Amino acid sequence: MAEPPENESSALSERLDHDQLLEWMRDQRWFASKSQTLAGVEIIEAAPLDDELVLALAQVQFATGGHELYQVLLAHRDDELTSDVLAEPANARRLLEAIDDASEIHGAHGCFCFRHVGDGSHADRAAAAGPVRAMGAEQSNSSVVFGERLVLKLFRKLESGINPELEMLRFLTARDYPNIAPLYGWYEYEGEALAATLAIAQQFVPDGTDGWELALEEIPRDADAFLEKIATLGTATARLHSVLATDAGDPAFSPEEPSAESVSLLKATLDDELERMFARLPDDPRVAPIAGLEQEVRELITLPSQTAIGGRNIRIHGDYHLGQTLYTQDGWTLLDFEGEPARPLPVRRAKRSPLRDVASMLRSFSYASWAVELQLGQQPPPGFEERAREVFLSAYFDRVEPALLPTGDAQVRGLLAIFELEKALYELQYELDNRPDWVPIPVAGIARLLESG
């Protein structure tokens, strides 16, 4: 396709109803700053994918002077913005076809570049001709499923740099890691002042059960069956971390020894969080198990500050919990490798101890156990959470590359406890602000760490 005129973006921007565009964006689930006062929106780049669909980057300005960048897809019909362009199957199919064709669509300032993975990418091209449906449960992205075989996820709020999900899936797919839906393709923007991942396509898992829903179903009905599945999840997690540590020649993935500075920073950060949290604890029986125990909790942070702790920092999942998994008859599929969307992209791409993922999943077991009572009105089997922890950790430690962990069981358990504490403090703050009835969950987690410490 020929390059558009230099003033393509500005011409399109002039013809659009900016107030309508801004109102539409604010109403979308993926718009991140609904509470902000919006000052305007500008199309900073646009390029026609075909006679009807326009790829565009929209910069939203706030009254405070800040701004955010979003990917939007515009209908070329009289420059009218549709309510959801991906709801029209022809538009969604055109994006998938562009990935298959490795198209390059030029705008005034850069290129919308479509890429597919290897020669096998065309094997599922027929999926584009099948039924197309939107996945409506997402908060920060937009996804469509093609023929129950492929799924295309559009990243809406953009930051300059490669999205961790593309980076991780590309790495894991190339190394045949079995517990993912393999990467099929992607598209990105490469411009004069911006480079960003816009979307990924991967195999769709049609018969998977969400790990969180599976937990709520099986814990009260057949806890032993779920514990068996947890063991295989521990193995899949160990394989994930081991594979992510295999390429010493790739700067984005090469394992690194934790520095004394990083250990000191972790301790200082936790100290600050503890001080803030205990200062705001309400006079409420739900927090009574930890009230007045700030010093005892602080003593859990016993890492050495002047010497390296051992093990390795690697790329990790970064937002690991049961809701990021699917279970099928073939086992577990791990999902959503973009990290916590609210965190800046460089933070999400940072190398960390693999025990952070482990701690996050352990906290998820706690939440699932409590949710059986809070959401279903049933009681989990006595001691279920402790059994789940033991089963998961046993399988994980049996299979993970030992060099990734600190030397000695005491060091491993100590670091794991600190990451659990870090996660539980975050949870406590969230529950105090949003779900008071769930406050006992992180409180119980902190109390358990005190008892075992």
Protein backbone atom coordinates (compact mmCIF):
# COMPACT_ATOMS: atom_id res chain seq x y z
CA MET A 1 0.00 0.00 0.00
CA ALA A 2 1.34 3.41 -0.89
CA GLU A 3 2.31 5.83 1.81
CA PRO A 4 -0.44 8.32 2.70
CA PRO A 5 0.08 12.07 2.37
CA GLU A 6 2.16 13.73 5.07
CA ASN A 7 -0.91 15.47 6.45
CA GLU A 8 -2.99 12.26 6.75
CA SER A 9 -3.18 12.43 10.54
CA SER A 10 -3.94 16.13 10.71
CA ALA A 11 -6.52 15.90 7.90
CA LEU A 12 -8.30 13.04 9.61
CA SER A 13 -8.12 14.84 12.92
CA GLU A 14 -9.74 17.91 11.37
CA ARG A 15 -12.64 15.88 9.95
CA LEU A 16 -13.35 13.98 13.19
CA ASP A 17 -15.76 15.14 15.84
CA HIS A 18 -13.25 15.36 18.71
CA ASP A 19 -15.87 15.76 21.41
CA GLN A 20 -17.61 12.62 20.17
CA LEU A 21 -14.32 10.71 20.07
CA LEU A 22 -13.38 11.81 23.58
CA GLU A 23 -16.81 10.91 24.97
CA TRP A 24 -16.65 7.50 23.31
CA MET A 25 -13.17 6.79 24.66
CA ARG A 26 -14.14 7.75 28.22
CA ASP A 27 -17.03 5.26 28.06
CA GLN A 28 -14.79 2.31 27.12
CA ARG A 29 -13.78 -0.21 29.79
CA TRP A 30 -10.16 0.08 28.69
CA PHE A 31 -9.92 3.86 29.22
CA ALA A 32 -7.67 4.20 32.25
CA SER A 33 -8.34 7.74 33.51
CA LYS A 34 -12.12 8.10 33.84
CA SER A 35 -11.77 10.28 36.96
CA GLN A 36 -9.52 12.82 35.23
CA THR A 37 -10.79 16.05 33.71
CA LEU A 38 -10.22 15.68 29.97
CA ALA A 39 -9.04 18.69 27.97
CA GLY A 40 -9.01 17.24 24.46
CA VAL A 41 -7.83 14.53 22.10
CA GLU A 42 -5.51 14.60 19.09
CA ILE A 43 -4.90 11.99 16.41
CA ILE A 44 -1.10 11.97 16.28
CA GLU A 45 -0.83 9.20 13.68
CA ALA A 46 -3.25 7.46 11.33
CA ALA A 47 -3.06 5.14 8.36
CA PRO A 48 -5.80 3.40 6.33
CA LEU A 49 -5.63 -0.39 6.54
CA ASP A 50 -8.17 -0.64 3.72
CA ASP A 51 -10.98 1.44 2.24
CA GLU A 52 -12.89 1.37 5.52
CA LEU A 53 -10.61 0.73 8.51
CA VAL A 54 -8.18 3.34 9.82
CA LEU A 55 -5.44 2.54 12.34
CA ALA A 56 -4.93 5.49 14.65
CA LEU A 57 -3.01 6.65 17.71
CA ALA A 58 -5.00 9.10 19.83
CA GLN A 59 -3.37 11.28 22.47
CA VAL A 60 -5.73 12.35 25.26
CA GLN A 61 -4.85 15.56 27.09
CA PHE A 62 -5.84 16.21 30.70
CA ALA A 63 -6.66 19.52 32.36
CA THR A 64 -3.67 18.98 34.65
CA GLY A 65 -1.34 19.09 31.64
CA GLY A 66 -0.61 15.37 31.38
CA HIS A 67 -1.57 13.05 28.56
CA GLU A 68 -2.05 9.37 27.66
CA LEU A 69 -1.73 7.57 24.35
CA TYR A 70 -4.30 5.06 23.09
CA GLN A 71 -4.80 2.82 20.10
CA VAL A 72 -8.16 3.37 18.41
CA LEU A 73 -9.63 1.90 15.24
CA LEU A 74 -11.74 4.31 13.22
CA ALA A 75 -14.37 3.59 10.58
CA HIS A 76 -13.53 5.40 7.34
CA ARG A 77 -17.23 5.82 6.51
CA ASP A 78 -17.59 9.59 6.59
CA ASP A 79 -14.88 9.49 9.28
CA GLU A 80 -17.49 8.23 11.74
CA LEU A 81 -16.30 6.44 14.83
CA THR A 82 -18.16 3.19 15.47
CA SER A 83 -19.05 2.14 19.00
CA ASP A 84 -16.74 -0.89 18.77
CA VAL A 85 -14.99 -1.51 15.47
CA LEU A 86 -13.97 -5.02 16.52
CA ALA A 87 -17.62 -5.97 16.83
CA GLU A 88 -17.72 -5.92 13.02
CA PRO A 89 -16.27 -9.29 11.89
CA ALA A 90 -14.90 -7.90 8.63
CA ASN A 91 -12.71 -5.40 10.48
CA ALA A 92 -11.38 -7.99 12.91
CA ARG A 93 -10.65 -10.38 10.04
CA ARG A 94 -8.77 -7.66 8.17
CA LEU A 95 -6.39 -7.24 11.12
CA LEU A 96 -5.71 -10.98 11.23
CA GLU A 97 -5.16 -11.06 7.46
CA ALA A 98 -2.66 -8.22 7.78
CA ILE A 99 -0.73 -10.30 10.34
CA ASP A 100 -0.74 -13.29 7.97
CA ASP A 101 0.44 -11.09 5.10
CA ALA A 102 3.13 -9.35 7.20
CA SER A 103 1.73 -6.04 5.94
CA GLU A 104 3.43 -2.70 6.52
CA ILE A 105 1.05 0.26 6.59
CA HIS A 106 2.75 3.64 6.54
CA GLY A 107 1.49 6.73 8.28
CA ALA A 108 2.91 10.22 8.25
CA HIS A 109 5.47 9.55 10.98
CA GLY A 110 6.04 5.81 11.03
CA CYS A 111 4.83 2.31 10.18
CA PHE A 112 2.12 0.02 11.47
CA CYS A 113 4.05 -3.23 11.03
CA PHE A 114 2.32 -6.63 11.07
CA ARG A 115 4.33 -9.79 11.79
CA HIS A 116 3.64 -13.51 11.98
CA VAL A 117 5.58 -16.32 13.64
CA GLY A 118 7.46 -18.60 11.28
CA ASP A 119 6.16 -20.40 8.22
CA GLY A 120 3.51 -22.24 10.21
CA SER A 121 1.54 -19.05 10.81
CA HIS A 122 -0.72 -19.70 7.82
CA ALA A 123 -1.85 -23.09 9.14
CA ASP A 124 -4.72 -21.44 11.03
CA ARG A 125 -5.55 -18.78 8.47
CA ALA A 126 -8.89 -20.49 7.87
CA ALA A 127 -9.83 -19.36 11.38
CA ALA A 128 -10.39 -15.86 10.01
CA ALA A 129 -13.26 -17.20 7.93
CA GLY A 130 -14.97 -18.74 10.95
CA PRO A 131 -17.21 -17.09 13.53
CA VAL A 132 -15.78 -13.98 15.17
CA ARG A 133 -16.73 -13.01 18.71
CA ALA A 134 -15.55 -10.45 21.20
CA MET A 135 -14.28 -11.33 24.67
CA GLY A 136 -16.08 -8.84 26.88
CA ALA A 137 -14.63 -9.40 30.34
CA GLU A 138 -11.38 -7.47 29.91
CA GLN A 139 -10.64 -4.17 31.59
CA SER A 140 -7.55 -2.81 29.85
CA ASN A 141 -7.47 -4.52 26.44
CA SER A 142 -9.82 -5.62 23.64
CA SER A 143 -9.81 -9.21 22.37
CA VAL A 144 -11.60 -11.09 19.60
CA VAL A 145 -11.72 -14.84 18.97
CA PHE A 146 -11.59 -16.29 15.46
CA GLY A 147 -13.23 -19.66 14.83
CA GLU A 148 -12.38 -20.76 18.40
CA ARG A 149 -8.80 -21.23 17.15
CA LEU A 150 -7.07 -17.85 17.41
CA VAL A 151 -7.43 -14.82 19.66
CA LEU A 152 -6.28 -11.28 18.87
CA LYS A 153 -5.62 -8.96 21.82
CA LEU A 154 -5.35 -5.22 21.20
CA PHE A 155 -3.44 -3.17 23.75
CA ARG A 156 -5.34 0.08 24.14
CA LYS A 157 -3.29 2.27 26.50
CA LEU A 158 0.20 2.48 25.03
CA GLU A 159 3.72 3.10 26.30
CA SER A 160 6.84 3.33 24.22
CA GLY A 161 8.68 0.02 24.15
CA ILE A 162 7.94 -3.65 23.60
CA ASN A 163 5.02 -5.01 25.58
CA PRO A 164 6.17 -7.76 27.99
CA GLU A 165 3.46 -10.11 26.74
CA LEU A 166 4.84 -10.07 23.19
CA GLU A 167 8.38 -10.37 24.49
CA MET A 168 7.60 -13.29 26.80
CA LEU A 169 5.37 -15.20 24.38
CA ARG A 170 7.91 -14.83 21.59
CA PHE A 171 10.66 -16.17 23.86
CA LEU A 172 8.59 -19.06 25.24
CA THR A 173 7.10 -20.03 21.87
CA ALA A 174 10.56 -20.19 20.29
CA ARG A 175 11.64 -22.58 23.06
CA ASP A 176 8.53 -24.79 22.87
CA TYR A 177 7.46 -24.13 26.45
CA PRO A 178 4.35 -26.34 26.67
CA ASN A 179 2.16 -24.45 29.15
CA ILE A 180 1.25 -21.43 26.99
CA ALA A 181 -0.99 -20.73 24.03
CA PRO A 182 1.75 -20.20 21.41
CA LEU A 183 2.27 -16.84 19.76
CA TYR A 184 0.78 -16.58 16.27
CA GLY A 185 1.73 -13.01 15.34
CA TRP A 186 1.54 -9.38 16.33
CA TYR A 187 1.55 -5.83 15.07
CA GLU A 188 3.38 -2.81 16.32
CA TYR A 189 4.05 0.82 15.56
CA GLU A 190 7.56 1.97 14.68
CA GLY A 191 7.81 5.73 14.40
CA GLU A 192 10.11 8.69 14.65
CA ALA A 193 9.35 9.34 18.31
CA LEU A 194 7.47 6.21 19.38
CA ALA A 195 7.76 2.43 19.13
CA ALA A 196 5.02 0.39 20.77
CA THR A 197 3.37 -3.03 20.66
CA LEU A 198 -0.24 -2.67 19.48
CA ALA A 199 -1.58 -6.24 19.50
CA ILE A 200 -0.71 -9.91 19.73
CA ALA A 201 -2.39 -12.98 18.23
CA GLN A 202 -2.03 -16.42 19.78
CA GLN A 203 -3.64 -19.82 19.74
CA PHE A 204 -7.00 -19.90 21.49
CA VAL A 205 -7.75 -22.48 24.20
CA PRO A 206 -11.44 -23.27 23.62
CA ASP A 207 -12.01 -25.89 26.31
CA GLY A 208 -10.12 -24.35 29.21
CA THR A 209 -11.57 -23.66 32.64
CA ASP A 210 -10.40 -20.52 34.41
CA GLY A 211 -8.18 -21.53 37.33
CA TRP A 212 -10.05 -19.33 39.80
CA GLU A 213 -13.43 -20.74 38.78
CA LEU A 214 -12.01 -24.25 38.92
CA ALA A 215 -10.81 -23.63 42.48
CA LEU A 216 -14.23 -22.43 43.64
CA GLU A 217 -15.84 -25.44 42.02
CA GLU A 218 -13.49 -28.15 43.29
CA ILE A 219 -12.31 -26.97 46.73
CA PRO A 220 -15.69 -27.59 48.42
CA ARG A 221 -16.61 -30.59 46.25
CA ASP A 222 -13.38 -32.51 45.62
CA ALA A 223 -10.43 -30.80 47.25
CA ASP A 224 -8.10 -33.75 46.68
CA ALA A 225 -8.67 -33.55 42.92
CA PHE A 226 -7.81 -29.87 42.98
CA LEU A 227 -4.69 -30.51 45.05
CA GLU A 228 -3.51 -32.93 42.37
CA LYS A 229 -3.96 -30.17 39.81
CA ILE A 230 -2.07 -27.73 42.05
CA ALA A 231 0.90 -30.09 42.02
CA THR A 232 1.02 -29.99 38.22
CA LEU A 233 0.70 -26.19 38.38
CA GLY A 234 3.79 -26.13 40.59
CA THR A 235 5.64 -28.16 37.97
CA ALA A 236 4.47 -25.87 35.16
CA THR A 237 5.63 -22.83 37.16
CA ALA A 238 9.04 -24.37 37.77
CA ARG A 239 9.41 -25.13 34.06
CA LEU A 240 8.43 -21.56 33.22
CA HIS A 241 11.12 -20.04 35.41
CA SER A 242 13.74 -22.54 34.29
CA VAL A 243 13.06 -21.86 30.59
CA LEU A 244 13.09 -18.09 31.13
CA ALA A 245 16.62 -18.43 32.53
CA THR A 246 18.09 -20.38 29.60
CA ASP A 247 19.45 -17.58 27.38
CA ALA A 248 22.48 -15.89 28.89
CA GLY A 249 23.15 -14.13 25.58
CA ASP A 250 19.90 -12.16 25.42
CA PRO A 251 20.19 -8.99 27.56
CA ALA A 252 16.42 -8.90 28.04
CA PHE A 253 16.40 -12.42 29.52
CA SER A 254 19.89 -13.21 30.80
CA PRO A 255 19.80 -14.12 34.52
CA GLU A 256 21.37 -11.62 36.90
CA GLU A 257 22.72 -11.94 40.41
CA PRO A 258 20.73 -9.84 42.89
CA SER A 259 22.72 -6.85 44.07
CA ALA A 260 23.14 -5.73 47.66
CA GLU A 261 21.50 -2.47 46.61
CA SER A 262 18.36 -4.28 45.42
CA VAL A 263 18.10 -6.13 48.73
CA SER A 264 18.46 -2.89 50.68
CA LEU A 265 15.84 -1.23 48.48
CA LEU A 266 13.41 -4.09 49.10
CA LYS A 267 13.87 -3.77 52.87
CA ALA A 268 13.47 0.01 52.80
CA THR A 269 10.35 -0.19 50.65
CA LEU A 270 8.74 -2.75 52.95
CA ASP A 271 9.66 -0.68 56.00
CA ASP A 272 7.87 2.34 54.49
CA GLU A 273 4.82 0.27 53.52
CA LEU A 274 4.60 -1.19 57.01
CA GLU A 275 4.76 2.22 58.62
CA ARG A 276 2.04 3.62 56.36
CA MET A 277 -0.18 0.58 56.72
CA PHE A 278 -0.09 0.35 60.51
CA ALA A 279 -0.64 4.10 60.77
CA ARG A 280 -3.93 3.76 58.93
CA LEU A 281 -5.27 0.53 60.40
CA PRO A 282 -8.84 1.16 61.55
CA ASP A 283 -10.21 0.24 64.94
CA ASP A 284 -11.95 -2.79 63.53
CA PRO A 285 -12.16 -6.39 64.77
CA ARG A 286 -11.24 -7.60 61.28
CA VAL A 287 -7.68 -6.30 61.73
CA ALA A 288 -7.40 -7.28 65.40
CA PRO A 289 -5.05 -10.26 64.74
CA ILE A 290 -2.27 -7.88 63.63
CA ALA A 291 -3.15 -4.66 65.48
CA GLY A 292 -0.18 -3.30 67.42
CA LEU A 293 2.24 -5.84 65.92
CA GLU A 294 4.14 -3.55 63.57
CA GLN A 295 7.51 -4.31 65.17
CA GLU A 296 6.88 -8.06 65.11
CA VAL A 297 5.97 -7.87 61.41
CA ARG A 298 9.03 -5.71 60.73
CA GLU A 299 11.23 -8.40 62.24
CA LEU A 300 10.16 -10.75 59.46
CA ILE A 301 12.35 -8.69 57.13
CA THR A 302 15.65 -10.33 58.04
CA LEU A 303 17.54 -10.30 54.74
CA PRO A 304 21.22 -9.36 54.83
CA SER A 305 21.76 -5.84 53.51
CA GLN A 306 25.49 -5.90 52.79
CA THR A 307 25.90 -9.20 50.98
CA ALA A 308 24.15 -10.73 48.00
CA ILE A 309 21.41 -13.15 48.91
CA GLY A 310 22.14 -15.63 46.14
CA GLY A 311 19.95 -17.05 43.45
CA ARG A 312 19.17 -15.14 40.25
CA ASN A 313 16.85 -12.43 39.06
CA ILE A 314 15.09 -13.40 35.85
CA ARG A 315 12.09 -12.37 33.79
CA ILE A 316 8.97 -13.61 35.54
CA HIS A 317 5.23 -13.60 34.91
CA GLY A 318 4.77 -10.64 37.24
CA ASP A 319 1.02 -10.90 37.90
CA TYR A 320 0.68 -14.57 38.72
CA HIS A 321 -2.51 -15.95 40.23
CA LEU A 322 -5.18 -18.55 39.51
CA GLY A 323 -7.13 -16.14 37.33
CA GLN A 324 -4.18 -16.06 34.92
CA THR A 325 -4.44 -19.79 34.22
CA LEU A 326 -6.65 -22.18 32.29
CA TYR A 327 -7.02 -25.88 32.96
CA THR A 328 -7.78 -28.38 30.19
CA GLN A 329 -7.57 -32.13 29.83
CA ASP A 330 -3.98 -31.54 28.68
CA GLY A 331 -3.03 -29.60 31.80
CA TRP A 332 -2.40 -25.93 32.60
CA THR A 333 -2.09 -23.00 30.20
CA LEU A 334 -0.57 -19.83 31.65
CA LEU A 335 -1.95 -16.52 30.39
CA ASP A 336 -1.46 -12.75 30.36
CA PHE A 337 2.27 -12.17 30.50
CA GLU A 338 2.03 -8.37 30.28
CA GLY A 339 2.49 -7.94 34.04
CA GLU A 340 0.41 -5.58 36.18
CA PRO A 341 -1.04 -3.09 33.66
CA ALA A 342 -1.05 -0.23 36.18
CA ARG A 343 2.74 -0.38 36.55
CA PRO A 344 5.09 1.41 34.10
CA LEU A 345 6.41 -0.74 31.28
CA PRO A 346 10.08 -0.70 32.44
CA VAL A 347 8.97 -2.01 35.85
CA ARG A 348 6.97 -4.80 34.21
CA ARG A 349 10.02 -5.79 32.15
CA ALA A 350 12.40 -5.80 35.11
CA LYS A 351 14.14 -9.01 36.22
CA ARG A 352 13.07 -10.25 39.63
CA SER A 353 13.39 -13.28 41.85
CA PRO A 354 11.19 -16.14 40.59
CA LEU A 355 10.00 -16.49 44.18
CA ARG A 356 7.84 -13.39 43.60
CA ASP A 357 5.66 -15.42 41.24
CA VAL A 358 5.60 -18.27 43.75
CA ALA A 359 4.53 -15.94 46.57
CA SER A 360 1.81 -14.43 44.40
CA MET A 361 0.34 -17.86 43.59
CA LEU A 362 0.45 -18.87 47.27
CA ARG A 363 -1.58 -15.78 48.09
CA SER A 364 -4.04 -16.78 45.36
CA PHE A 365 -4.59 -20.13 47.11
CA SER A 366 -5.44 -18.20 50.26
CA TYR A 367 -7.94 -16.04 48.42
CA ALA A 368 -9.56 -19.06 46.78
CA SER A 369 -9.92 -20.85 50.11
CA TRP A 370 -11.57 -17.82 51.72
CA ALA A 371 -13.75 -17.14 48.67
CA VAL A 372 -15.39 -20.53 49.07
CA GLU A 373 -16.93 -19.14 52.25
CA LEU A 374 -17.34 -15.47 51.26
CA GLN A 375 -18.80 -16.09 47.80
CA LEU A 376 -20.35 -19.54 48.06
CA GLY A 377 -21.31 -19.71 51.72
CA GLN A 378 -19.49 -23.04 52.10
CA GLN A 379 -16.53 -24.14 54.19
CA PRO A 380 -13.27 -25.31 52.62
CA PRO A 381 -11.88 -28.57 54.04
CA PRO A 382 -9.87 -28.04 57.25
CA GLY A 383 -6.27 -27.17 56.52
CA PHE A 384 -6.84 -26.83 52.76
CA GLU A 385 -4.69 -23.73 52.31
CA GLU A 386 -1.70 -25.28 54.08
CA ARG A 387 -2.02 -28.46 52.03
CA ALA A 388 -2.24 -26.44 48.82
CA ARG A 389 0.90 -24.53 49.75
CA GLU A 390 2.82 -27.70 50.55
CA VAL A 391 1.77 -29.48 47.36
CA PHE A 392 2.59 -26.52 45.13
CA LEU A 393 5.94 -25.78 46.77
CA SER A 394 7.03 -29.42 46.78
CA ALA A 395 6.36 -29.76 43.05
CA TYR A 396 7.97 -26.40 42.32
CA PHE A 397 11.19 -27.03 44.25
CA ASP A 398 11.50 -30.51 42.74
CA ARG A 399 11.59 -29.14 39.18
CA VAL A 400 12.97 -25.60 39.23
CA GLU A 401 16.59 -24.93 38.27
CA PRO A 402 18.30 -24.78 41.70
CA ALA A 403 20.68 -21.98 40.68
CA LEU A 404 17.72 -19.59 40.46
CA LEU A 405 17.07 -19.81 44.21
CA PRO A 406 19.09 -18.67 47.23
CA THR A 407 21.43 -21.24 48.72
CA GLY A 408 19.90 -23.06 51.66
CA ASP A 409 16.33 -23.75 52.65
CA ALA A 410 16.30 -21.06 55.33
CA GLN A 411 17.30 -18.38 52.81
CA VAL A 412 14.69 -19.60 50.32
CA ARG A 413 11.91 -19.67 52.90
CA GLY A 414 12.97 -16.30 54.31
CA LEU A 415 12.90 -14.59 50.92
CA LEU A 416 9.61 -16.24 50.02
CA ALA A 417 8.07 -15.00 53.28
CA ILE A 418 9.18 -11.46 52.51
CA PHE A 419 7.57 -11.55 49.07
CA GLU A 420 4.38 -12.96 50.62
CA LEU A 421 4.42 -10.13 53.15
CA GLU A 422 4.90 -7.59 50.37
CA LYS A 423 1.92 -9.03 48.50
CA ALA A 424 -0.27 -9.25 51.61
CA LEU A 425 0.41 -5.62 52.50
CA TYR A 426 -0.67 -4.59 49.01
CA GLU A 427 -3.80 -6.72 49.36
CA LEU A 428 -4.62 -5.23 52.74
CA GLN A 429 -4.45 -1.71 51.39
CA TYR A 430 -6.66 -2.66 48.45
CA GLU A 431 -9.26 -4.44 50.58
CA LEU A 432 -9.45 -1.60 53.11
CA ASP A 433 -10.18 0.79 50.23
CA ASN A 434 -12.48 -1.40 48.14
CA ARG A 435 -13.77 -4.60 49.81
CA PRO A 436 -13.91 -4.37 53.60
CA ASP A 437 -15.51 -7.81 53.87
CA TRP A 438 -12.34 -9.30 52.34
CA VAL A 439 -9.95 -7.60 54.80
CA PRO A 440 -9.61 -10.80 56.90
CA ILE A 441 -7.86 -12.54 53.99
CA PRO A 442 -4.63 -10.47 53.93
CA VAL A 443 -4.81 -10.09 57.72
CA ALA A 444 -4.80 -13.85 58.09
CA GLY A 445 -1.89 -14.06 55.66
CA ILE A 446 0.18 -11.62 57.69
CA ALA A 447 -0.75 -13.39 60.94
CA ARG A 448 0.30 -16.74 59.43
CA LEU A 449 3.69 -15.29 58.49
CA LEU A 450 4.10 -14.08 62.08
CA GLU A 451 3.28 -17.50 63.48
CA SER A 452 5.66 -19.32 61.14
CA GLY A 453 8.42 -16.71 61.44
